[in-house]
Amino acid sequence: MSTSFSSPTPTPSPSPSPNSTPRRSYKVLASIPRYDGQGDYLMRVGSAFQNRDDSINLYLEAIPAAAANGRIRLQIRELDATDFARREQYRANTNAARGGDPGAFAPPAPSNANAASENVPF
């Protein structure tokens, strides 16, 4: 039996109907000890999304190693305005780097120099 795991791509949720509440999006953070031993820092290890029944699904990109006590500590925090701004900036940069301009993939316009070679029988 094989199981394949794929990373979900977060998509903007459709606009909620007037009778429903908007679904929440969260970030999943792990407390990672610093190399110098001077405390911990929080590293984003995944995302979480609220379901219709108010349960929450976690999608982890990484699972941190257990601490000395054998426990893994995860925090779930709601996305804030800076997270959304960072995501939009990333999407804009990624789209531009991937050739977000549809005209960039259009075939070149035929030129008159190629007109003579179009009559070649093979």
PDB file of N, CA and C in Angstrom:
ATOM      1  N   MET A   1       0.840  -1.164   0.000  1.00  0.00           N
ATOM      2  CA  MET A   1       0.000   0.000   0.000  1.00  0.00           C
ATOM      3  C   MET A   1       0.890   1.234   0.000  1.00  0.00           C
ATOM      4  N   SER A   2       0.696   2.107  -0.965  1.00  0.00           N
ATOM      5  CA  SER A   2       1.494   3.324  -1.018  1.00  0.00           C
ATOM      6  C   SER A   2       0.601   4.523  -0.742  1.00  0.00           C
ATOM      7  N   THR A   3       1.160   5.470  -0.068  1.00  0.00           N
ATOM      8  CA  THR A   3       0.441   6.689   0.253  1.00  0.00           C
ATOM      9  C   THR A   3       1.248   7.844  -0.279  1.00  0.00           C
ATOM     10  N   SER A   4       0.596   8.709  -1.017  1.00  0.00           N
ATOM     11  CA  SER A   4       1.298   9.887  -1.511  1.00  0.00           C
ATOM     12  C   SER A   4       0.746  11.106  -0.796  1.00  0.00           C
ATOM     13  N   PHE A   5       1.644  11.976  -0.451  1.00  0.00           N
ATOM     14  CA  PHE A   5       1.270  13.198   0.219  1.00  0.00           C
ATOM     15  C   PHE A   5       1.617  14.354  -0.697  1.00  0.00           C
ATOM     16  N   SER A   6       0.705  15.249  -0.855  1.00  0.00           N
ATOM     17  CA  SER A   6       0.992  16.433  -1.653  1.00  0.00           C
ATOM     18  C   SER A   6       0.692  17.657  -0.813  1.00  0.00           C
ATOM     19  N   SER A   7       1.445  18.677  -1.076  1.00  0.00           N
ATOM     20  CA  SER A   7       1.286  19.915  -0.345  1.00  0.00           C
ATOM     21  C   SER A   7       0.129  20.697  -0.934  1.00  0.00           C
ATOM     22  N   PRO A   8      -0.855  21.043  -0.133  1.00  0.00           N
ATOM     23  CA  PRO A   8      -1.973  21.802  -0.679  1.00  0.00           C
ATOM     24  C   PRO A   8      -1.539  23.222  -0.991  1.00  0.00           C
ATOM     25  N   THR A   9      -2.067  23.739  -2.045  1.00  0.00           N
ATOM     26  CA  THR A   9      -1.796  25.113  -2.396  1.00  0.00           C
ATOM     27  C   THR A   9      -2.935  25.957  -1.868  1.00  0.00           C
ATOM     28  N   PRO A  10      -2.655  26.845  -0.923  1.00  0.00           N
ATOM     29  CA  PRO A  10      -3.730  27.651  -0.404  1.00  0.00           C
ATOM     30  C   PRO A  10      -4.326  28.515  -1.488  1.00  0.00           C
ATOM     31  N   THR A  11      -5.617  28.491  -1.595  1.00  0.00           N
ATOM     32  CA  THR A  11      -6.316  29.323  -2.554  1.00  0.00           C
ATOM     33  C   THR A  11      -7.227  30.254  -1.795  1.00  0.00           C
ATOM     34  N   PRO A  12      -7.434  31.421  -2.358  1.00  0.00           N
ATOM     35  CA  PRO A  12      -8.337  32.324  -1.660  1.00  0.00           C
ATOM     36  C   PRO A  12      -9.720  31.692  -1.581  1.00  0.00           C
ATOM     37  N   SER A  13     -10.324  31.752  -0.414  1.00  0.00           N
ATOM     38  CA  SER A  13     -11.641  31.162  -0.268  1.00  0.00           C
ATOM     39  C   SER A  13     -12.662  32.034  -0.992  1.00  0.00           C
ATOM     40  N   PRO A  14     -13.682  31.405  -1.564  1.00  0.00           N
ATOM     41  CA  PRO A  14     -14.694  32.202  -2.248  1.00  0.00           C
ATOM     42  C   PRO A  14     -15.382  33.131  -1.263  1.00  0.00           C
ATOM     43  N   SER A  15     -15.932  34.199  -1.794  1.00  0.00           N
ATOM     44  CA  SER A  15     -16.578  35.144  -0.892  1.00  0.00           C
ATOM     45  C   SER A  15     -17.740  34.443  -0.201  1.00  0.00           C
ATOM     46  N   PRO A  16     -17.832  34.619   1.097  1.00  0.00           N
ATOM     47  CA  PRO A  16     -18.861  33.916   1.849  1.00  0.00           C
ATOM     48  C   PRO A  16     -20.249  34.427   1.507  1.00  0.00           C
ATOM     49  N   SER A  17     -21.213  33.555   1.613  1.00  0.00           N
ATOM     50  CA  SER A  17     -22.589  33.971   1.400  1.00  0.00           C
ATOM     51  C   SER A  17     -23.034  34.773   2.620  1.00  0.00           C
ATOM     52  N   PRO A  18     -24.078  35.550   2.483  1.00  0.00           N
ATOM     53  CA  PRO A  18     -24.503  36.397   3.608  1.00  0.00           C
ATOM     54  C   PRO A  18     -24.871  35.598   4.855  1.00  0.00           C
ATOM     55  N   ASN A  19     -25.271  34.338   4.695  1.00  0.00           N
ATOM     56  CA  ASN A  19     -25.703  33.542   5.844  1.00  0.00           C
ATOM     57  C   ASN A  19     -24.570  32.785   6.515  1.00  0.00           C
ATOM     58  N   SER A  20     -23.374  32.777   5.933  1.00  0.00           N
ATOM     59  CA  SER A  20     -22.281  32.010   6.518  1.00  0.00           C
ATOM     60  C   SER A  20     -21.186  32.941   7.031  1.00  0.00           C
ATOM     61  N   THR A  21     -20.393  32.418   7.938  1.00  0.00           N
ATOM     62  CA  THR A  21     -19.276  33.190   8.458  1.00  0.00           C
ATOM     63  C   THR A  21     -18.051  32.896   7.607  1.00  0.00           C
ATOM     64  N   PRO A  22     -17.143  33.853   7.457  1.00  0.00           N
ATOM     65  CA  PRO A  22     -15.944  33.591   6.644  1.00  0.00           C
ATOM     66  C   PRO A  22     -15.068  32.543   7.309  1.00  0.00           C
ATOM     67  N   ARG A  23     -14.449  31.728   6.497  1.00  0.00           N
ATOM     68  CA  ARG A  23     -13.562  30.698   7.031  1.00  0.00           C
ATOM     69  C   ARG A  23     -12.228  31.330   7.382  1.00  0.00           C
ATOM     70  N   ARG A  24     -11.656  30.859   8.452  1.00  0.00           N
ATOM     71  CA  ARG A  24     -10.397  31.416   8.928  1.00  0.00           C
ATOM     72  C   ARG A  24      -9.220  30.616   8.399  1.00  0.00           C
ATOM     73  N   SER A  25      -8.104  31.304   8.225  1.00  0.00           N
ATOM     74  CA  SER A  25      -6.848  30.675   7.842  1.00  0.00           C
ATOM     75  C   SER A  25      -5.842  30.921   8.952  1.00  0.00           C
ATOM     76  N   TYR A  26      -5.004  29.924   9.191  1.00  0.00           N
ATOM     77  CA  TYR A  26      -4.047  30.000  10.279  1.00  0.00           C
ATOM     78  C   TYR A  26      -2.657  29.621   9.796  1.00  0.00           C
ATOM     79  N   LYS A  27      -1.665  29.973  10.578  1.00  0.00           N
ATOM     80  CA  LYS A  27      -0.303  29.505  10.347  1.00  0.00           C
ATOM     81  C   LYS A  27       0.069  28.597  11.513  1.00  0.00           C
ATOM     82  N   VAL A  28       0.832  27.552  11.226  1.00  0.00           N
ATOM     83  CA  VAL A  28       1.274  26.617  12.250  1.00  0.00           C
ATOM     84  C   VAL A  28       2.757  26.888  12.486  1.00  0.00           C
ATOM     85  N   LEU A  29       3.106  27.150  13.736  1.00  0.00           N
ATOM     86  CA  LEU A  29       4.476  27.496  14.103  1.00  0.00           C
ATOM     87  C   LEU A  29       5.030  26.455  15.059  1.00  0.00           C
ATOM     88  N   ALA A  30       6.331  26.237  14.969  1.00  0.00           N
ATOM     89  CA  ALA A  30       7.011  25.319  15.884  1.00  0.00           C
ATOM     90  C   ALA A  30       8.068  26.104  16.646  1.00  0.00           C
ATOM     91  N   SER A  31       8.219  25.795  17.907  1.00  0.00           N
ATOM     92  CA  SER A  31       9.237  26.414  18.739  1.00  0.00           C
ATOM     93  C   SER A  31      10.542  25.638  18.548  1.00  0.00           C
ATOM     94  N   ILE A  32      11.545  26.312  17.976  1.00  0.00           N
ATOM     95  CA  ILE A  32      12.827  25.688  17.654  1.00  0.00           C
ATOM     96  C   ILE A  32      13.910  26.316  18.526  1.00  0.00           C
ATOM     97  N   PRO A  33      14.726  25.506  19.218  1.00  0.00           N
ATOM     98  CA  PRO A  33      15.793  26.094  20.049  1.00  0.00           C
ATOM     99  C   PRO A  33      16.878  26.741  19.176  1.00  0.00           C
ATOM    100  N   ARG A  34      17.385  27.861  19.632  1.00  0.00           N
ATOM    101  CA  ARG A  34      18.457  28.550  18.909  1.00  0.00           C
ATOM    102  C   ARG A  34      19.760  27.777  19.060  1.00  0.00           C
ATOM    103  N   TYR A  35      20.618  27.920  18.062  1.00  0.00           N
ATOM    104  CA  TYR A  35      21.906  27.214  18.093  1.00  0.00           C
ATOM    105  C   TYR A  35      22.795  27.664  19.242  1.00  0.00           C
ATOM    106  N   ASP A  36      22.675  28.942  19.603  1.00  0.00           N
ATOM    107  CA  ASP A  36      23.521  29.452  20.687  1.00  0.00           C
ATOM    108  C   ASP A  36      22.952  29.144  22.073  1.00  0.00           C
ATOM    109  N   GLY A  37      21.794  28.486  22.124  1.00  0.00           N
ATOM    110  CA  GLY A  37      21.193  28.114  23.389  1.00  0.00           C
ATOM    111  C   GLY A  37      20.495  29.256  24.099  1.00  0.00           C
ATOM    112  N   GLN A  38      20.352  30.387  23.439  1.00  0.00           N
ATOM    113  CA  GLN A  38      19.758  31.576  24.045  1.00  0.00           C
ATOM    114  C   GLN A  38      18.267  31.666  23.737  1.00  0.00           C
ATOM    115  N   GLY A  39      17.503  30.639  24.035  1.00  0.00           N
ATOM    116  CA  GLY A  39      16.058  30.692  23.838  1.00  0.00           C
ATOM    117  C   GLY A  39      15.608  29.951  22.589  1.00  0.00           C
ATOM    118  N   ASP A  40      14.404  30.254  22.177  1.00  0.00           N
ATOM    119  CA  ASP A  40      13.785  29.609  21.024  1.00  0.00           C
ATOM    120  C   ASP A  40      13.343  30.654  20.014  1.00  0.00           C
ATOM    121  N   TYR A  41      13.069  30.200  18.798  1.00  0.00           N
ATOM    122  CA  TYR A  41      12.430  31.049  17.810  1.00  0.00           C
ATOM    123  C   TYR A  41      11.290  30.253  17.192  1.00  0.00           C
ATOM    124  N   LEU A  42      10.342  30.968  16.612  1.00  0.00           N
ATOM    125  CA  LEU A  42       9.199  30.317  16.011  1.00  0.00           C
ATOM    126  C   LEU A  42       9.412  30.204  14.503  1.00  0.00           C
ATOM    127  N   MET A  43       9.283  28.992  13.999  1.00  0.00           N
ATOM    128  CA  MET A  43       9.439  28.730  12.571  1.00  0.00           C
ATOM    129  C   MET A  43       8.102  28.248  12.023  1.00  0.00           C
ATOM    130  N   ARG A  44       7.690  28.808  10.905  1.00  0.00           N
ATOM    131  CA  ARG A  44       6.434  28.367  10.302  1.00  0.00           C
ATOM    132  C   ARG A  44       6.646  26.993   9.672  1.00  0.00           C
ATOM    133  N   VAL A  45       5.806  26.037  10.049  1.00  0.00           N
ATOM    134  CA  VAL A  45       5.940  24.674   9.550  1.00  0.00           C
ATOM    135  C   VAL A  45       4.697  24.202   8.801  1.00  0.00           C
ATOM    136  N   GLY A  46       3.698  25.064   8.660  1.00  0.00           N
ATOM    137  CA  GLY A  46       2.511  24.643   7.933  1.00  0.00           C
ATOM    138  C   GLY A  46       1.395  25.660   7.996  1.00  0.00           C
ATOM    139  N   SER A  47       0.236  25.218   7.518  1.00  0.00           N
ATOM    140  CA  SER A  47      -0.958  26.050   7.479  1.00  0.00           C
ATOM    141  C   SER A  47      -2.123  25.274   8.062  1.00  0.00           C
ATOM    142  N   ALA A  48      -3.163  25.990   8.426  1.00  0.00           N
ATOM    143  CA  ALA A  48      -4.363  25.366   8.963  1.00  0.00           C
ATOM    144  C   ALA A  48      -5.569  26.127   8.431  1.00  0.00           C
ATOM    145  N   PHE A  49      -6.657  25.385   8.224  1.00  0.00           N
ATOM    146  CA  PHE A  49      -7.870  25.981   7.680  1.00  0.00           C
ATOM    147  C   PHE A  49      -9.075  25.481   8.449  1.00  0.00           C
ATOM    148  N   GLN A  50     -10.011  26.384   8.675  1.00  0.00           N
ATOM    149  CA  GLN A  50     -11.221  26.052   9.418  1.00  0.00           C
ATOM    150  C   GLN A  50     -12.240  25.414   8.476  1.00  0.00           C
ATOM    151  N   ASN A  51     -12.869  24.348   8.925  1.00  0.00           N
ATOM    152  CA  ASN A  51     -13.893  23.657   8.157  1.00  0.00           C
ATOM    153  C   ASN A  51     -15.275  24.222   8.457  1.00  0.00           C
ATOM    154  N   ARG A  52     -16.252  23.764   7.706  1.00  0.00           N
ATOM    155  CA  ARG A  52     -17.621  24.236   7.918  1.00  0.00           C
ATOM    156  C   ARG A  52     -18.136  23.899   9.307  1.00  0.00           C
ATOM    157  N   ASP A  53     -17.698  22.774   9.867  1.00  0.00           N
ATOM    158  CA  ASP A  53     -18.166  22.364  11.190  1.00  0.00           C
ATOM    159  C   ASP A  53     -17.290  22.928  12.316  1.00  0.00           C
ATOM    160  N   ASP A  54     -16.485  23.931  12.003  1.00  0.00           N
ATOM    161  CA  ASP A  54     -15.594  24.631  12.936  1.00  0.00           C
ATOM    162  C   ASP A  54     -14.413  23.797  13.407  1.00  0.00           C
ATOM    163  N   SER A  55     -14.196  22.612  12.826  1.00  0.00           N
ATOM    164  CA  SER A  55     -12.966  21.885  13.107  1.00  0.00           C
ATOM    165  C   SER A  55     -11.850  22.506  12.271  1.00  0.00           C
ATOM    166  N   ILE A  56     -10.621  22.134  12.547  1.00  0.00           N
ATOM    167  CA  ILE A  56      -9.469  22.727  11.858  1.00  0.00           C
ATOM    168  C   ILE A  56      -8.608  21.618  11.281  1.00  0.00           C
ATOM    169  N   ASN A  57      -8.231  21.750  10.015  1.00  0.00           N
ATOM    170  CA  ASN A  57      -7.300  20.831   9.367  1.00  0.00           C
ATOM    171  C   ASN A  57      -5.916  21.460   9.347  1.00  0.00           C
ATOM    172  N   LEU A  58      -4.900  20.685   9.730  1.00  0.00           N
ATOM    173  CA  LEU A  58      -3.509  21.134   9.681  1.00  0.00           C
ATOM    174  C   LEU A  58      -2.828  20.516   8.482  1.00  0.00           C
ATOM    175  N   TYR A  59      -2.038  21.298   7.772  1.00  0.00           N
ATOM    176  CA  TYR A  59      -1.218  20.833   6.664  1.00  0.00           C
ATOM    177  C   TYR A  59       0.221  21.212   6.989  1.00  0.00           C
ATOM    178  N   LEU A  60       1.011  20.224   7.373  1.00  0.00           N
ATOM    179  CA  LEU A  60       2.374  20.483   7.811  1.00  0.00           C
ATOM    180  C   LEU A  60       3.353  20.253   6.669  1.00  0.00           C
ATOM    181  N   GLU A  61       4.255  21.196   6.488  1.00  0.00           N
ATOM    182  CA  GLU A  61       5.326  21.085   5.508  1.00  0.00           C
ATOM    183  C   GLU A  61       6.549  20.436   6.134  1.00  0.00           C
ATOM    184  N   ALA A  62       6.673  20.543   7.430  1.00  0.00           N
ATOM    185  CA  ALA A  62       7.805  19.979   8.167  1.00  0.00           C
ATOM    186  C   ALA A  62       7.330  19.612   9.560  1.00  0.00           C
ATOM    187  N   ILE A  63       7.984  18.633  10.140  1.00  0.00           N
ATOM    188  CA  ILE A  63       7.694  18.244  11.517  1.00  0.00           C
ATOM    189  C   ILE A  63       9.004  18.368  12.290  1.00  0.00           C
ATOM    190  N   PRO A  64       9.027  19.240  13.295  1.00  0.00           N
ATOM    191  CA  PRO A  64      10.277  19.442  14.030  1.00  0.00           C
ATOM    192  C   PRO A  64      10.630  18.211  14.874  1.00  0.00           C
ATOM    193  N   ALA A  65      11.888  18.101  15.190  1.00  0.00           N
ATOM    194  CA  ALA A  65      12.349  17.021  16.054  1.00  0.00           C
ATOM    195  C   ALA A  65      11.832  17.260  17.467  1.00  0.00           C
ATOM    196  N   ALA A  66      11.632  16.190  18.179  1.00  0.00           N
ATOM    197  CA  ALA A  66      11.136  16.291  19.553  1.00  0.00           C
ATOM    198  C   ALA A  66      12.198  16.940  20.442  1.00  0.00           C
ATOM    199  N   ALA A  67      11.731  17.655  21.428  1.00  0.00           N
ATOM    200  CA  ALA A  67      12.630  18.289  22.398  1.00  0.00           C
ATOM    201  C   ALA A  67      13.208  17.220  23.322  1.00  0.00           C
ATOM    202  N   ALA A  68      14.043  17.638  24.243  1.00  0.00           N
ATOM    203  CA  ALA A  68      14.681  16.707  25.178  1.00  0.00           C
ATOM    204  C   ALA A  68      13.653  15.938  25.996  1.00  0.00           C
ATOM    205  N   ASN A  69      12.491  16.552  26.242  1.00  0.00           N
ATOM    206  CA  ASN A  69      11.452  15.873  27.011  1.00  0.00           C
ATOM    207  C   ASN A  69      10.573  14.972  26.137  1.00  0.00           C
ATOM    208  N   GLY A  70      10.886  14.881  24.844  1.00  0.00           N
ATOM    209  CA  GLY A  70      10.144  14.014  23.934  1.00  0.00           C
ATOM    210  C   GLY A  70       8.877  14.631  23.360  1.00  0.00           C
ATOM    211  N   ARG A  71       8.680  15.899  23.566  1.00  0.00           N
ATOM    212  CA  ARG A  71       7.463  16.563  23.094  1.00  0.00           C
ATOM    213  C   ARG A  71       7.755  17.476  21.913  1.00  0.00           C
ATOM    214  N   ILE A  72       6.758  17.635  21.072  1.00  0.00           N
ATOM    215  CA  ILE A  72       6.804  18.596  19.959  1.00  0.00           C
ATOM    216  C   ILE A  72       5.761  19.659  20.267  1.00  0.00           C
ATOM    217  N   ARG A  73       6.170  20.914  20.273  1.00  0.00           N
ATOM    218  CA  ARG A  73       5.263  22.010  20.594  1.00  0.00           C
ATOM    219  C   ARG A  73       4.927  22.776  19.319  1.00  0.00           C
ATOM    220  N   LEU A  74       3.649  22.823  18.978  1.00  0.00           N
ATOM    221  CA  LEU A  74       3.171  23.578  17.823  1.00  0.00           C
ATOM    222  C   LEU A  74       2.221  24.661  18.293  1.00  0.00           C
ATOM    223  N   GLN A  75       2.265  25.816  17.635  1.00  0.00           N
ATOM    224  CA  GLN A  75       1.334  26.904  17.912  1.00  0.00           C
ATOM    225  C   GLN A  75       0.528  27.157  16.655  1.00  0.00           C
ATOM    226  N   ILE A  76      -0.734  27.473  16.828  1.00  0.00           N
ATOM    227  CA  ILE A  76      -1.590  27.846  15.706  1.00  0.00           C
ATOM    228  C   ILE A  76      -2.007  29.287  15.940  1.00  0.00           C
ATOM    229  N   ARG A  77      -1.695  30.148  14.964  1.00  0.00           N
ATOM    230  CA  ARG A  77      -2.047  31.562  15.058  1.00  0.00           C
ATOM    231  C   ARG A  77      -2.812  31.971  13.809  1.00  0.00           C
ATOM    232  N   GLU A  78      -3.795  32.820  13.998  1.00  0.00           N
ATOM    233  CA  GLU A  78      -4.569  33.312  12.867  1.00  0.00           C
ATOM    234  C   GLU A  78      -3.695  34.230  12.012  1.00  0.00           C
ATOM    235  N   LEU A  79      -3.865  34.142  10.693  1.00  0.00           N
ATOM    236  CA  LEU A  79      -3.114  35.014   9.799  1.00  0.00           C
ATOM    237  C   LEU A  79      -3.544  36.454  10.032  1.00  0.00           C
ATOM    238  N   ASP A  80      -2.573  37.372  10.002  1.00  0.00           N
ATOM    239  CA  ASP A  80      -2.879  38.774  10.189  1.00  0.00           C
ATOM    240  C   ASP A  80      -2.580  39.541   8.901  1.00  0.00           C
ATOM    241  N   ALA A  81      -2.732  40.849   8.953  1.00  0.00           N
ATOM    242  CA  ALA A  81      -2.575  41.683   7.756  1.00  0.00           C
ATOM    243  C   ALA A  81      -1.169  41.580   7.171  1.00  0.00           C
ATOM    244  N   THR A  82      -0.145  41.487   8.008  1.00  0.00           N
ATOM    245  CA  THR A  82       1.218  41.388   7.476  1.00  0.00           C
ATOM    246  C   THR A  82       1.430  40.060   6.750  1.00  0.00           C
ATOM    247  N   ASP A  83       0.800  38.988   7.244  1.00  0.00           N
ATOM    248  CA  ASP A  83       0.909  37.696   6.555  1.00  0.00           C
ATOM    249  C   ASP A  83       0.265  37.769   5.176  1.00  0.00           C
ATOM    250  N   PHE A  84      -0.916  38.396   5.092  1.00  0.00           N
ATOM    251  CA  PHE A  84      -1.595  38.513   3.806  1.00  0.00           C
ATOM    252  C   PHE A  84      -0.806  39.395   2.842  1.00  0.00           C
ATOM    253  N   ALA A  85      -0.217  40.493   3.355  1.00  0.00           N
ATOM    254  CA  ALA A  85       0.587  41.379   2.508  1.00  0.00           C
ATOM    255  C   ALA A  85       1.825  40.639   1.999  1.00  0.00           C
ATOM    256  N   ARG A  86       2.471  39.860   2.862  1.00  0.00           N
ATOM    257  CA  ARG A  86       3.650  39.086   2.471  1.00  0.00           C
ATOM    258  C   ARG A  86       3.286  38.052   1.401  1.00  0.00           C
ATOM    259  N   ARG A  87       2.127  37.414   1.549  1.00  0.00           N
ATOM    260  CA  ARG A  87       1.693  36.415   0.576  1.00  0.00           C
ATOM    261  C   ARG A  87       1.419  37.057  -0.781  1.00  0.00           C
ATOM    262  N   GLU A  88       0.751  38.215  -0.797  1.00  0.00           N
ATOM    263  CA  GLU A  88       0.462  38.885  -2.058  1.00  0.00           C
ATOM    264  C   GLU A  88       1.746  39.345  -2.741  1.00  0.00           C
ATOM    265  N   GLN A  89       2.719  39.823  -1.964  1.00  0.00           N
ATOM    266  CA  GLN A  89       4.006  40.232  -2.530  1.00  0.00           C
ATOM    267  C   GLN A  89       4.719  39.029  -3.139  1.00  0.00           C
ATOM    268  N   TYR A  90       4.693  37.899  -2.439  1.00  0.00           N
ATOM    269  CA  TYR A  90       5.321  36.674  -2.947  1.00  0.00           C
ATOM    270  C   TYR A  90       4.649  36.226  -4.241  1.00  0.00           C
ATOM    271  N   ARG A  91       3.331  36.237  -4.270  1.00  0.00           N
ATOM    272  CA  ARG A  91       2.599  35.826  -5.475  1.00  0.00           C
ATOM    273  C   ARG A  91       2.913  36.740  -6.651  1.00  0.00           C
ATOM    274  N   ALA A  92       2.995  38.043  -6.394  1.00  0.00           N
ATOM    275  CA  ALA A  92       3.298  38.986  -7.472  1.00  0.00           C
ATOM    276  C   ALA A  92       4.701  38.739  -8.012  1.00  0.00           C
ATOM    277  N   ASN A  93       5.677  38.528  -7.129  1.00  0.00           N
ATOM    278  CA  ASN A  93       7.050  38.280  -7.570  1.00  0.00           C
ATOM    279  C   ASN A  93       7.169  36.948  -8.296  1.00  0.00           C
ATOM    280  N   THR A  94       6.490  35.913  -7.793  1.00  0.00           N
ATOM    281  CA  THR A  94       6.550  34.597  -8.413  1.00  0.00           C
ATOM    282  C   THR A  94       5.891  34.621  -9.782  1.00  0.00           C
ATOM    283  N   ASN A  95       4.766  35.303  -9.885  1.00  0.00           N
ATOM    284  CA  ASN A  95       4.059  35.383 -11.163  1.00  0.00           C
ATOM    285  C   ASN A  95       4.911  36.102 -12.201  1.00  0.00           C
ATOM    286  N   ALA A  96       5.590  37.174 -11.791  1.00  0.00           N
ATOM    287  CA  ALA A  96       6.454  37.906 -12.720  1.00  0.00           C
ATOM    288  C   ALA A  96       7.657  37.055 -13.118  1.00  0.00           C
ATOM    289  N   ALA A  97       8.229  36.305 -12.171  1.00  0.00           N
ATOM    290  CA  ALA A  97       9.396  35.472 -12.465  1.00  0.00           C
ATOM    291  C   ALA A  97       9.035  34.309 -13.379  1.00  0.00           C
ATOM    292  N   ARG A  98       7.806  33.844 -13.295  1.00  0.00           N
ATOM    293  CA  ARG A  98       7.364  32.734 -14.148  1.00  0.00           C
ATOM    294  C   ARG A  98       6.844  33.210 -15.487  1.00  0.00           C
ATOM    295  N   GLY A  99       6.970  34.472 -15.763  1.00  0.00           N
ATOM    296  CA  GLY A  99       6.471  34.992 -17.023  1.00  0.00           C
ATOM    297  C   GLY A  99       4.978  35.229 -16.955  1.00  0.00           C
ATOM    298  N   GLY A 100       4.541  35.961 -15.957  1.00  0.00           N
ATOM    299  CA  GLY A 100       3.130  36.218 -15.753  1.00  0.00           C
ATOM    300  C   GLY A 100       2.468  36.925 -16.913  1.00  0.00           C
ATOM    301  N   ASP A 101       3.250  37.467 -17.826  1.00  0.00           N
ATOM    302  CA  ASP A 101       2.692  38.136 -18.994  1.00  0.00           C
ATOM    303  C   ASP A 101       2.328  37.089 -20.040  1.00  0.00           C
ATOM    304  N   PRO A 102       1.037  36.882 -20.343  1.00  0.00           N
ATOM    305  CA  PRO A 102       0.664  35.866 -21.325  1.00  0.00           C
ATOM    306  C   PRO A 102       1.260  36.138 -22.697  1.00  0.00           C
ATOM    307  N   GLY A 103       1.502  37.402 -23.018  1.00  0.00           N
ATOM    308  CA  GLY A 103       2.091  37.740 -24.310  1.00  0.00           C
ATOM    309  C   GLY A 103       3.529  37.271 -24.435  1.00  0.00           C
ATOM    310  N   ALA A 104       4.178  36.986 -23.306  1.00  0.00           N
ATOM    311  CA  ALA A 104       5.564  36.532 -23.344  1.00  0.00           C
ATOM    312  C   ALA A 104       5.680  35.150 -23.974  1.00  0.00           C
ATOM    313  N   PHE A 105       4.601  34.381 -23.976  1.00  0.00           N
ATOM    314  CA  PHE A 105       4.638  33.034 -24.534  1.00  0.00           C
ATOM    315  C   PHE A 105       4.009  32.953 -25.922  1.00  0.00           C
ATOM    316  N   ALA A 106       3.610  34.081 -26.479  1.00  0.00           N
ATOM    317  CA  ALA A 106       3.016  34.079 -27.815  1.00  0.00           C
ATOM    318  C   ALA A 106       4.101  33.804 -28.849  1.00  0.00           C
ATOM    319  N   PRO A 107       3.774  33.106 -29.913  1.00  0.00           N
ATOM    320  CA  PRO A 107       4.777  32.859 -30.956  1.00  0.00           C
ATOM    321  C   PRO A 107       5.169  34.163 -31.636  1.00  0.00           C
ATOM    322  N   PRO A 108       6.391  34.233 -32.141  1.00  0.00           N
ATOM    323  CA  PRO A 108       6.815  35.471 -32.801  1.00  0.00           C
ATOM    324  C   PRO A 108       6.017  35.705 -34.075  1.00  0.00           C
ATOM    325  N   ALA A 109       5.834  36.965 -34.386  1.00  0.00           N
ATOM    326  CA  ALA A 109       5.108  37.317 -35.605  1.00  0.00           C
ATOM    327  C   ALA A 109       5.946  36.945 -36.819  1.00  0.00           C
ATOM    328  N   PRO A 110       5.311  36.467 -37.877  1.00  0.00           N
ATOM    329  CA  PRO A 110       6.075  36.112 -39.080  1.00  0.00           C
ATOM    330  C   PRO A 110       6.699  37.356 -39.704  1.00  0.00           C
ATOM    331  N   SER A 111       7.889  37.180 -40.220  1.00  0.00           N
ATOM    332  CA  SER A 111       8.565  38.300 -40.877  1.00  0.00           C
ATOM    333  C   SER A 111       8.665  38.008 -42.365  1.00  0.00           C
ATOM    334  N   ASN A 112       8.942  39.029 -43.167  1.00  0.00           N
ATOM    335  CA  ASN A 112       9.056  38.864 -44.620  1.00  0.00           C
ATOM    336  C   ASN A 112      10.293  38.081 -45.010  1.00  0.00           C
ATOM    337  N   ALA A 113      11.302  38.033 -44.155  1.00  0.00           N
ATOM    338  CA  ALA A 113      12.524  37.292 -44.458  1.00  0.00           C
ATOM    339  C   ALA A 113      12.229  35.800 -44.538  1.00  0.00           C
ATOM    340  N   ASN A 114      11.259  35.324 -43.814  1.00  0.00           N
ATOM    341  CA  ASN A 114      10.907  33.912 -43.835  1.00  0.00           C
ATOM    342  C   ASN A 114       9.978  33.557 -44.996  1.00  0.00           C
ATOM    343  N   ALA A 115       9.459  34.550 -45.722  1.00  0.00           N
ATOM    344  CA  ALA A 115       8.507  34.284 -46.807  1.00  0.00           C
ATOM    345  C   ALA A 115       9.148  33.432 -47.888  1.00  0.00           C
ATOM    346  N   ALA A 116      10.409  33.645 -48.217  1.00  0.00           N
ATOM    347  CA  ALA A 116      11.062  32.871 -49.275  1.00  0.00           C
ATOM    348  C   ALA A 116      11.273  31.437 -48.837  1.00  0.00           C
ATOM    349  N   SER A 117      11.538  31.200 -47.549  1.00  0.00           N
ATOM    350  CA  SER A 117      11.790  29.856 -47.081  1.00  0.00           C
ATOM    351  C   SER A 117      10.492  29.064 -46.887  1.00  0.00           C
ATOM    352  N   GLU A 118       9.348  29.720 -46.895  1.00  0.00           N
ATOM    353  CA  GLU A 118       8.076  29.010 -46.733  1.00  0.00           C
ATOM    354  C   GLU A 118       7.725  28.183 -47.963  1.00  0.00           C
ATOM    355  N   ASN A 119       8.338  28.472 -49.104  1.00  0.00           N
ATOM    356  CA  ASN A 119       8.035  27.751 -50.335  1.00  0.00           C
ATOM    357  C   ASN A 119       8.904  26.501 -50.490  1.00  0.00           C
ATOM    358  N   VAL A 120       9.675  26.145 -49.517  1.00  0.00           N
ATOM    359  CA  VAL A 120      10.524  24.966 -49.568  1.00  0.00           C
ATOM    360  C   VAL A 120       9.636  23.712 -49.485  1.00  0.00           C
ATOM    361  N   PRO A 121       9.789  22.745 -50.401  1.00  0.00           N
ATOM    362  CA  PRO A 121       8.886  21.605 -50.434  1.00  0.00           C
ATOM    363  C   PRO A 121       9.040  20.623 -49.292  1.00  0.00           C
ATOM    364  N   PHE A 122      10.060  20.715 -48.484  1.00  0.00           N
ATOM    365  CA  PHE A 122      10.216  19.731 -47.407  1.00  0.00           C
ATOM    366  C   PHE A 122      10.204  20.350 -46.062  1.00  0.00           C
TER     367      PHE A 122
END
